[in-house]
Amino acid sequence: MSKHRSPDETVNGHRGIRRPIRKRNKTALVTAIALALSGAAYSAHANFARGQDHKRVAADVYVAPHLAPGNNWPTYRPTWTWSTSQPTTTSPTTTRPTTTRPSTTSPKTTRPSTTSPTTTRPSTTSPTTTSAPSPSGAQRWPGQVPGKFYLGMSCGTVCASRENVLKASYGVHRQFKSWGNWNGVAKAIQGDHRAGRLPWISIKAPAGGPSGWQAVANGQYDSAIKALATVLKANDSQPVLLTFHHEPSNDGAESQGKLWAAAYCKFHDVLNAAGALQNVADPPILGDWLFNPRNSQDPANWLTDAVMDRMPFLGVDMYENTSGETLGDRIPGIISWMAQHGHPNMMVGIGETGATDRYKSQTGLSAVQWINESLSWVAANTDKVGVVSYFNSTNNSRSGVYWPLDESAAKLAAYRTWLANAKTAG
């Protein structure tokens, strides 16, 4: 299985949208401010801007899990190789689609009767969003269950053992397939549908980077996309989530963002024209670092108007880090950014997340507390977040940062409790 990891340390939203960092750890806050003032927070950004791994961005709060103490990203990278060279041709342009998104009925789910788990709350409160609510009860993308959210996981090649430890069914399954492996895509969808899960599959672009993006955008892979459309239509009796090249900012420079955007639009349009998006949603997935005020990049270089007009919702990869900020602290800024760019009702789906007791000494929160706080916020905001997938794997994680749910009995029990929660779908 192809693998990819993007621990993004985003907290708030587009630069200029700033919210206070939790003051659970005065020392960490002072250190973070000092680093920001000195400019050290941006010491590795030059490498990131050239398309290198954004987990190497240096900062106290914003560093990566597998590289240095206090970082918060596991790396889940594909095993295949791709080119990241700068294309010499101009960026293709795309037009906004004229087709409307098809409406589909909500899948039938068995509603658990258990109540939400209780959580220990810190003294600070989570910010609220200003985005306008969606119409009550209206399904906004294939598979969405209004008033609920899917909770599930990615588990790489160890799903059998992880599921055995979990001893519970889960709602969404993140998988990763290489370009052209449409037979693998079909098998993944079929397996998840048999298990009663919502499949969420990521597919990297051919060549894995800017040259592949441009080739897709220029129509060189239309026949391959049409073949994928045939596979999707043969396996869409239940909803499917499909992502084209997740976390593209890991594989290209900011100046190449519009190449990815054009490729996403072409990928979407060919599938749509072939009738493959009737019961399939194709959210892009970005790392939340793109929306961090400490990051000089502009998310609009990736999330162009054309992309936002097509996407059913925005996927984001977001992990616990040394800031102590939960999903409820960090998602609102992203939603606000989308509202400011003309999409006040756009939802978010968490493609990857994880928590570990590694950060407890810095944040005052155990992994269980972080999970419970985060999912409590999601459960109270199902009009904003429809999917959460946990990174239940050790793939590419550094020593000392352990994301899997079996880190402790309490962590596993908390996750099981949430799977049985009345707010979870599937």
Protein backbone atom coordinates (compact mmCIF):
# COMPACT_ATOMS: atom_id res chain seq x y z
CA MET A 1 0.00 0.00 0.00
CA SER A 2 1.34 3.43 -0.80
CA LYS A 3 1.80 5.62 2.20
CA HIS A 4 1.97 9.30 2.90
CA ARG A 5 2.23 11.39 6.01
CA SER A 6 1.76 15.00 6.57
CA PRO A 7 1.92 16.24 10.06
CA ASP A 8 1.14 19.84 9.54
CA GLU A 9 1.45 22.21 12.34
CA THR A 10 -1.28 24.52 11.46
CA VAL A 11 -3.18 26.12 14.17
CA ASN A 12 -5.36 28.91 13.00
CA GLY A 13 -5.93 29.93 9.45
CA HIS A 14 -4.58 32.16 6.74
CA ARG A 15 -1.96 34.54 7.93
CA GLY A 16 -3.63 37.49 9.53
CA ILE A 17 -6.17 35.20 11.18
CA ARG A 18 -4.52 34.84 14.53
CA ARG A 19 -5.80 33.34 17.72
CA PRO A 20 -4.05 33.08 21.07
CA ILE A 21 -2.02 29.95 21.79
CA ARG A 22 -3.17 28.10 24.91
CA LYS A 23 -1.19 29.23 27.93
CA ARG A 24 -0.84 25.79 29.45
CA ASN A 25 2.90 25.97 29.29
CA LYS A 26 4.40 29.37 29.91
CA THR A 27 7.88 28.25 29.02
CA ALA A 28 6.78 26.88 25.64
CA LEU A 29 4.91 30.12 24.91
CA VAL A 30 7.89 32.32 25.77
CA THR A 31 10.12 30.11 23.68
CA ALA A 32 7.73 30.22 20.73
CA ILE A 33 7.53 34.03 20.91
CA ALA A 34 11.28 34.34 21.12
CA LEU A 35 11.75 32.11 18.13
CA ALA A 36 9.16 34.01 16.13
CA LEU A 37 10.80 37.37 16.95
CA SER A 38 14.27 36.13 16.11
CA GLY A 39 13.14 34.67 12.83
CA ALA A 40 14.23 31.16 13.77
CA ALA A 41 10.69 29.95 13.21
CA TYR A 42 11.32 30.39 9.53
CA SER A 43 14.83 28.92 9.39
CA ALA A 44 13.73 25.85 7.45
CA HIS A 45 11.00 27.48 5.42
CA ALA A 46 13.31 28.00 2.45
CA ASN A 47 13.63 24.26 2.06
CA PHE A 48 9.85 23.87 2.35
CA ALA A 49 9.29 26.55 -0.28
CA ARG A 50 11.47 24.59 -2.66
CA GLY A 51 9.14 21.63 -2.33
CA GLN A 52 10.97 19.79 0.44
CA ASP A 53 9.32 18.17 3.41
CA HIS A 54 7.43 20.77 5.41
CA LYS A 55 8.03 18.75 8.56
CA ARG A 56 11.46 20.35 8.64
CA VAL A 57 10.08 23.81 9.37
CA ALA A 58 11.78 24.90 12.55
CA ALA A 59 9.88 26.34 15.48
CA ASP A 60 9.09 25.38 19.05
CA VAL A 61 5.43 24.73 18.41
CA TYR A 62 5.74 23.85 14.77
CA VAL A 63 8.19 21.04 14.29
CA ALA A 64 7.79 17.53 13.07
CA PRO A 65 7.30 14.35 15.04
CA HIS A 66 10.00 12.23 13.53
CA LEU A 67 12.76 14.85 13.39
CA ALA A 68 13.14 16.60 16.73
CA PRO A 69 11.63 16.73 20.23
CA GLY A 70 8.23 18.35 20.25
CA ASN A 71 7.36 17.95 16.62
CA ASN A 72 3.93 16.87 15.62
CA TRP A 73 3.92 15.22 12.23
CA PRO A 74 4.26 11.54 11.40
CA THR A 75 5.51 10.99 7.87
CA TYR A 76 3.37 8.71 5.77
CA ARG A 77 5.11 8.88 2.42
CA PRO A 78 4.51 6.84 -0.70
CA THR A 79 7.14 4.26 -1.61
CA TRP A 80 7.22 5.29 -5.23
CA THR A 81 9.46 7.97 -6.73
CA TRP A 82 8.39 11.11 -8.52
CA SER A 83 9.89 14.20 -10.07
CA THR A 84 9.71 17.60 -8.40
CA SER A 85 11.45 19.60 -11.12
CA GLN A 86 9.96 22.92 -12.14
CA PRO A 87 8.03 22.61 -15.42
CA THR A 88 9.12 24.96 -18.13
CA THR A 89 5.68 25.48 -19.61
CA THR A 90 3.17 27.94 -18.27
CA SER A 91 0.54 26.97 -15.77
CA PRO A 92 -2.66 25.71 -17.37
CA THR A 93 -5.78 27.66 -16.65
CA THR A 94 -9.10 26.26 -15.58
CA THR A 95 -12.60 27.59 -15.67
CA ARG A 96 -15.23 27.26 -13.03
CA PRO A 97 -17.55 24.31 -13.61
CA THR A 98 -21.06 24.88 -14.83
CA THR A 99 -22.39 21.54 -13.60
CA THR A 100 -24.14 21.23 -10.30
CA ARG A 101 -23.20 18.65 -7.73
CA PRO A 102 -25.60 15.69 -7.76
CA SER A 103 -27.65 15.08 -4.69
CA THR A 104 -27.52 11.63 -3.14
CA THR A 105 -29.39 10.06 -0.31
CA SER A 106 -27.72 9.54 3.04
CA PRO A 107 -26.42 6.02 3.64
CA LYS A 108 -28.27 4.01 6.24
CA THR A 109 -26.39 3.82 9.51
CA THR A 110 -26.96 2.04 12.78
CA ARG A 111 -27.15 4.61 15.53
CA PRO A 112 -25.45 3.63 18.77
CA SER A 113 -27.36 4.42 21.93
CA THR A 114 -24.37 5.38 24.06
CA THR A 115 -23.74 8.93 25.17
CA SER A 116 -20.75 11.16 24.54
CA PRO A 117 -17.70 10.54 26.71
CA THR A 118 -16.88 13.08 29.34
CA THR A 119 -13.68 15.06 29.12
CA THR A 120 -11.51 17.00 31.51
CA ARG A 121 -11.45 20.56 30.24
CA PRO A 122 -8.62 23.05 30.69
CA SER A 123 -9.34 26.57 31.87
CA THR A 124 -9.13 28.02 28.37
CA THR A 125 -12.02 27.81 25.96
CA SER A 126 -12.01 26.94 22.30
CA PRO A 127 -12.72 29.73 19.81
CA THR A 128 -15.94 29.74 17.88
CA THR A 129 -16.28 30.11 14.14
CA THR A 130 -18.08 32.81 12.24
CA SER A 131 -18.99 30.69 9.23
CA ALA A 132 -22.65 30.67 8.31
CA PRO A 133 -24.41 27.37 9.07
CA SER A 134 -25.66 25.11 6.30
CA PRO A 135 -29.33 24.38 5.78
CA SER A 136 -30.51 22.04 8.52
CA GLY A 137 -30.51 18.38 7.51
CA ALA A 138 -29.28 18.99 3.95
CA GLN A 139 -26.68 16.53 2.67
CA ARG A 140 -23.79 18.45 1.19
CA TRP A 141 -21.62 15.70 -0.31
CA PRO A 142 -22.10 12.01 -1.13
CA GLY A 143 -21.99 9.98 2.06
CA GLN A 144 -22.42 12.86 4.49
CA VAL A 145 -24.77 12.08 7.35
CA PRO A 146 -26.13 15.42 8.64
CA GLY A 147 -25.75 15.73 12.38
CA LYS A 148 -23.04 13.03 12.50
CA PHE A 149 -19.38 12.55 11.63
CA TYR A 150 -17.48 9.50 10.42
CA LEU A 151 -14.71 8.34 12.76
CA GLY A 152 -12.15 5.89 11.48
CA MET A 153 -8.49 5.35 10.77
CA SER A 154 -5.64 4.63 8.43
CA CYS A 155 -3.53 1.63 9.38
CA GLY A 156 -1.25 0.94 6.40
CA THR A 157 -0.36 -2.72 6.02
CA VAL A 158 -1.19 -3.59 9.63
CA CYS A 159 -4.95 -3.11 9.54
CA ALA A 160 -5.66 -6.73 10.50
CA SER A 161 -3.69 -6.45 13.74
CA ARG A 162 -4.99 -2.95 14.50
CA GLU A 163 -8.58 -4.06 13.98
CA ASN A 164 -7.96 -7.10 16.17
CA VAL A 165 -6.72 -4.87 18.99
CA LEU A 166 -9.55 -2.40 18.47
CA LYS A 167 -12.27 -5.08 18.53
CA ALA A 168 -14.78 -2.60 17.13
CA SER A 169 -16.05 -1.49 13.74
CA TYR A 170 -15.13 1.96 12.49
CA GLY A 171 -16.74 4.38 10.08
CA VAL A 172 -14.09 5.55 7.58
CA HIS A 173 -10.97 3.85 6.25
CA ARG A 174 -8.14 5.89 4.72
CA GLN A 175 -6.10 4.06 2.09
CA PHE A 176 -3.37 5.07 -0.36
CA LYS A 177 -3.01 3.81 -3.93
CA SER A 178 -0.55 4.60 -6.71
CA TRP A 179 -1.55 6.19 -9.99
CA GLY A 180 -3.02 3.68 -12.43
CA ASN A 181 -3.65 0.98 -9.83
CA TRP A 182 -7.35 1.08 -10.52
CA ASN A 183 -7.75 -2.60 -9.75
CA GLY A 184 -6.36 -1.89 -6.29
CA VAL A 185 -8.79 1.00 -5.94
CA ALA A 186 -11.69 -1.29 -6.83
CA LYS A 187 -10.62 -3.93 -4.29
CA ALA A 188 -10.18 -1.30 -1.57
CA ILE A 189 -13.67 0.10 -2.16
CA GLN A 190 -15.24 -3.34 -2.25
CA GLY A 191 -13.52 -4.43 0.96
CA ASP A 192 -14.62 -1.33 2.86
CA HIS A 193 -18.17 -1.52 1.58
CA ARG A 194 -18.41 -5.16 2.68
CA ALA A 195 -17.20 -4.11 6.13
CA GLY A 196 -19.76 -1.30 6.29
CA ARG A 197 -17.11 1.43 6.12
CA LEU A 198 -16.77 4.61 4.06
CA PRO A 199 -13.62 4.26 1.92
CA TRP A 200 -11.40 7.36 1.59
CA ILE A 201 -8.69 6.65 -0.96
CA SER A 202 -5.77 8.90 -1.91
CA ILE A 203 -4.11 8.66 -5.31
CA LYS A 204 -0.84 10.42 -6.12
CA ALA A 205 -0.40 12.04 -9.53
CA PRO A 206 1.67 10.29 -12.19
CA ALA A 207 5.34 11.19 -11.61
CA GLY A 208 4.26 12.28 -8.13
CA GLY A 209 4.79 16.01 -8.49
CA PRO A 210 4.67 19.17 -10.65
CA SER A 211 5.54 17.50 -13.95
CA GLY A 212 2.73 15.00 -13.40
CA TRP A 213 0.34 17.75 -12.36
CA GLN A 214 0.99 19.61 -15.57
CA ALA A 215 0.61 16.48 -17.66
CA VAL A 216 -2.75 15.74 -16.03
CA ALA A 217 -3.91 19.34 -16.44
CA ASN A 218 -2.92 19.30 -20.13
CA GLY A 219 -5.09 16.25 -20.78
CA GLN A 220 -2.33 13.71 -21.26
CA TYR A 221 -3.94 11.34 -18.74
CA ASP A 222 -7.60 11.77 -19.64
CA SER A 223 -7.86 8.17 -20.81
CA ALA A 224 -6.48 6.91 -17.50
CA ILE A 225 -8.92 9.08 -15.57
CA LYS A 226 -11.79 7.79 -17.70
CA ALA A 227 -10.69 4.23 -16.87
CA LEU A 228 -10.81 5.18 -13.19
CA ALA A 229 -14.29 6.62 -13.76
CA THR A 230 -15.42 3.24 -15.08
CA VAL A 231 -14.10 1.57 -11.91
CA LEU A 232 -15.81 4.10 -9.65
CA LYS A 233 -19.17 3.77 -11.40
CA ALA A 234 -18.97 -0.02 -11.02
CA ASN A 235 -18.37 0.32 -7.27
CA ASP A 236 -20.43 3.28 -6.12
CA SER A 237 -23.55 1.58 -4.82
CA GLN A 238 -22.36 3.03 -1.50
CA PRO A 239 -20.53 6.36 -1.08
CA VAL A 240 -16.81 6.73 -1.79
CA LEU A 241 -14.30 9.47 -0.97
CA LEU A 242 -11.41 9.92 -3.41
CA THR A 243 -8.51 12.39 -3.17
CA PHE A 244 -6.17 13.46 -5.95
CA HIS A 245 -2.61 13.93 -4.65
CA HIS A 246 -3.04 14.74 -0.97
CA GLU A 247 -0.74 17.29 0.66
CA PRO A 248 0.62 18.60 -2.63
CA SER A 249 2.66 21.30 -0.89
CA ASN A 250 5.02 18.52 0.26
CA ASP A 251 5.82 17.72 -3.36
CA GLY A 252 6.01 21.11 -5.03
CA ALA A 253 6.97 24.71 -4.38
CA GLU A 254 4.43 27.42 -3.68
CA SER A 255 4.93 28.76 -7.21
CA GLN A 256 3.79 25.35 -8.49
CA GLY A 257 0.61 25.31 -6.45
CA LYS A 258 -1.51 26.41 -9.39
CA LEU A 259 -0.19 23.46 -11.41
CA TRP A 260 -1.63 21.12 -8.79
CA ALA A 261 -4.84 23.18 -8.73
CA ALA A 262 -5.22 22.88 -12.50
CA ALA A 263 -4.56 19.13 -12.32
CA TYR A 264 -7.15 18.68 -9.56
CA CYS A 265 -9.71 20.54 -11.68
CA LYS A 266 -8.96 18.41 -14.75
CA PHE A 267 -9.16 15.21 -12.66
CA HIS A 268 -12.51 16.34 -11.25
CA ASP A 269 -13.94 17.47 -14.59
CA VAL A 270 -13.09 14.26 -16.43
CA LEU A 271 -14.63 12.15 -13.66
CA ASN A 272 -17.67 14.40 -13.56
CA ALA A 273 -18.16 14.35 -17.32
CA ALA A 274 -18.02 10.54 -17.21
CA GLY A 275 -20.76 10.47 -14.55
CA ALA A 276 -18.42 9.08 -11.87
CA LEU A 277 -19.22 11.64 -9.15
CA GLN A 278 -22.82 10.69 -8.56
CA ASN A 279 -21.98 8.88 -5.33
CA VAL A 280 -18.29 9.76 -5.09
CA ALA A 281 -16.89 12.88 -3.39
CA ASP A 282 -13.39 14.06 -4.33
CA PRO A 283 -12.06 16.33 -1.55
CA PRO A 284 -8.51 17.66 -1.83
CA ILE A 285 -6.35 17.22 1.27
CA LEU A 286 -3.92 19.91 2.41
CA GLY A 287 -1.67 20.07 5.43
CA ASP A 288 -2.87 22.54 8.04
CA TRP A 289 0.59 24.14 8.10
CA LEU A 290 -0.45 25.99 4.95
CA PHE A 291 -2.95 27.96 7.04
CA ASN A 292 -0.57 28.69 9.92
CA PRO A 293 0.18 32.40 10.47
CA ARG A 294 3.84 31.44 10.90
CA ASN A 295 3.91 30.11 7.35
CA SER A 296 4.62 32.75 4.70
CA GLN A 297 2.83 30.72 2.03
CA ASP A 298 -0.61 31.76 0.82
CA PRO A 299 -3.12 28.87 0.78
CA ALA A 300 -4.79 30.56 -2.18
CA ASN A 301 -1.90 29.39 -4.36
CA TRP A 302 -3.25 25.88 -3.88
CA LEU A 303 -6.90 26.47 -3.05
CA THR A 304 -7.74 28.53 -6.10
CA ASP A 305 -11.28 29.67 -6.82
CA ALA A 306 -11.57 26.90 -9.42
CA VAL A 307 -10.61 24.24 -6.86
CA MET A 308 -12.96 25.59 -4.20
CA ASP A 309 -15.84 25.75 -6.67
CA ARG A 310 -15.42 22.04 -7.37
CA MET A 311 -14.43 20.45 -4.06
CA PRO A 312 -17.20 18.87 -1.94
CA PHE A 313 -15.29 19.70 1.26
CA LEU A 314 -11.70 20.40 2.26
CA GLY A 315 -9.59 17.60 3.66
CA VAL A 316 -6.94 18.62 6.20
CA ASP A 317 -4.23 16.62 7.94
CA MET A 318 -3.81 17.88 11.51
CA TYR A 319 -1.92 16.33 14.44
CA GLU A 320 -1.38 17.14 18.08
CA ASN A 321 1.71 19.28 18.63
CA THR A 322 3.47 21.15 21.39
CA SER A 323 1.02 24.05 21.24
CA GLY A 324 -1.58 21.89 22.98
CA GLU A 325 -4.21 23.20 20.59
CA THR A 326 -6.88 20.69 19.66
CA LEU A 327 -8.92 20.26 16.48
CA GLY A 328 -11.44 22.66 17.97
CA ASP A 329 -8.79 25.34 18.33
CA ARG A 330 -7.32 24.98 14.86
CA ILE A 331 -10.15 24.07 12.47
CA PRO A 332 -12.12 27.32 12.96
CA GLY A 333 -9.34 29.42 11.44
CA ILE A 334 -9.37 27.28 8.29
CA ILE A 335 -13.14 27.53 8.04
CA SER A 336 -12.88 31.30 8.49
CA TRP A 337 -10.28 31.48 5.72
CA MET A 338 -12.62 29.66 3.34
CA ALA A 339 -15.49 31.94 4.35
CA GLN A 340 -13.35 34.98 3.57
CA HIS A 341 -12.69 33.48 0.14
CA GLY A 342 -16.33 33.08 -0.75
CA HIS A 343 -17.22 29.68 0.74
CA PRO A 344 -18.79 30.25 4.17
CA ASN A 345 -20.51 26.86 4.25
CA MET A 346 -17.59 24.70 3.18
CA MET A 347 -17.02 21.73 5.50
CA VAL A 348 -13.76 20.13 6.61
CA GLY A 349 -12.74 16.49 6.84
CA ILE A 350 -9.72 15.37 8.84
CA GLY A 351 -7.76 12.97 6.66
CA GLU A 352 -5.09 12.28 9.27
CA THR A 353 -4.82 13.09 12.96
CA GLY A 354 -3.09 11.65 15.98
CA ALA A 355 -2.31 12.27 19.63
CA THR A 356 0.45 11.00 21.89
CA ASP A 357 1.41 11.25 25.55
CA ARG A 358 4.78 12.54 24.35
CA TYR A 359 3.48 16.11 24.62
CA LYS A 360 1.85 15.88 28.05
CA SER A 361 4.79 17.46 29.87
CA GLN A 362 4.65 20.46 27.54
CA THR A 363 0.91 20.94 27.14
CA GLY A 364 -0.58 19.49 30.32
CA LEU A 365 -2.84 17.31 28.16
CA SER A 366 -2.66 13.55 27.92
CA ALA A 367 -3.38 11.91 24.57
CA VAL A 368 -6.79 10.88 25.96
CA GLN A 369 -7.62 14.47 26.90
CA TRP A 370 -6.51 15.76 23.50
CA ILE A 371 -8.64 13.16 21.70
CA ASN A 372 -11.67 13.78 23.90
CA GLU A 373 -11.47 17.56 23.58
CA SER A 374 -11.00 17.37 19.84
CA LEU A 375 -13.82 14.93 19.18
CA SER A 376 -16.16 16.69 21.61
CA TRP A 377 -15.75 19.83 19.51
CA VAL A 378 -16.31 17.88 16.30
CA ALA A 379 -19.44 16.23 17.73
CA ALA A 380 -20.79 19.69 18.57
CA ASN A 381 -19.96 20.99 15.08
CA THR A 382 -21.04 18.32 12.63
CA ASP A 383 -22.16 21.07 10.26
CA LYS A 384 -18.46 21.97 9.95
CA VAL A 385 -16.66 18.60 10.17
CA GLY A 386 -17.97 15.41 8.62
CA VAL A 387 -15.04 12.98 8.78
CA VAL A 388 -12.14 12.27 11.17
CA SER A 389 -9.55 9.60 10.37
CA TYR A 390 -6.99 8.65 13.03
CA PHE A 391 -3.42 7.71 12.05
CA ASN A 392 -3.22 4.30 13.72
CA SER A 393 0.23 3.38 12.46
CA THR A 394 3.92 3.81 13.24
CA ASN A 395 4.90 4.34 9.61
CA ASN A 396 7.77 6.84 9.39
CA SER A 397 7.23 8.09 12.93
CA ARG A 398 10.37 8.89 14.88
CA SER A 399 11.31 7.25 18.15
CA GLY A 400 9.43 8.68 21.12
CA VAL A 401 6.34 9.80 19.20
CA TYR A 402 3.82 6.99 19.15
CA TRP A 403 0.55 7.72 17.39
CA PRO A 404 -1.19 4.30 17.43
CA LEU A 405 -4.17 3.82 19.69
CA ASP A 406 -2.55 1.04 21.69
CA GLU A 407 -0.11 3.51 23.26
CA SER A 408 -2.18 3.05 26.41
CA ALA A 409 -5.29 1.19 27.50
CA ALA A 410 -6.93 4.53 28.29
CA LYS A 411 -6.24 5.90 24.81
CA LEU A 412 -7.69 2.83 23.13
CA ALA A 413 -10.71 2.88 25.42
CA ALA A 414 -11.37 6.56 24.68
CA TYR A 415 -11.35 5.90 20.95
CA ARG A 416 -13.66 2.89 21.33
CA THR A 417 -16.06 5.01 23.35
CA TRP A 418 -16.17 7.58 20.59
CA LEU A 419 -16.83 4.91 17.98
CA ALA A 420 -19.95 3.98 19.96
CA ASN A 421 -21.01 7.59 20.37
CA ALA A 422 -24.40 8.58 19.03
CA LYS A 423 -22.77 11.34 16.96
CA THR A 424 -20.61 8.99 14.90
CA ALA A 425 -21.80 7.62 11.55
CA GLY A 426 -21.22 4.25 10.00
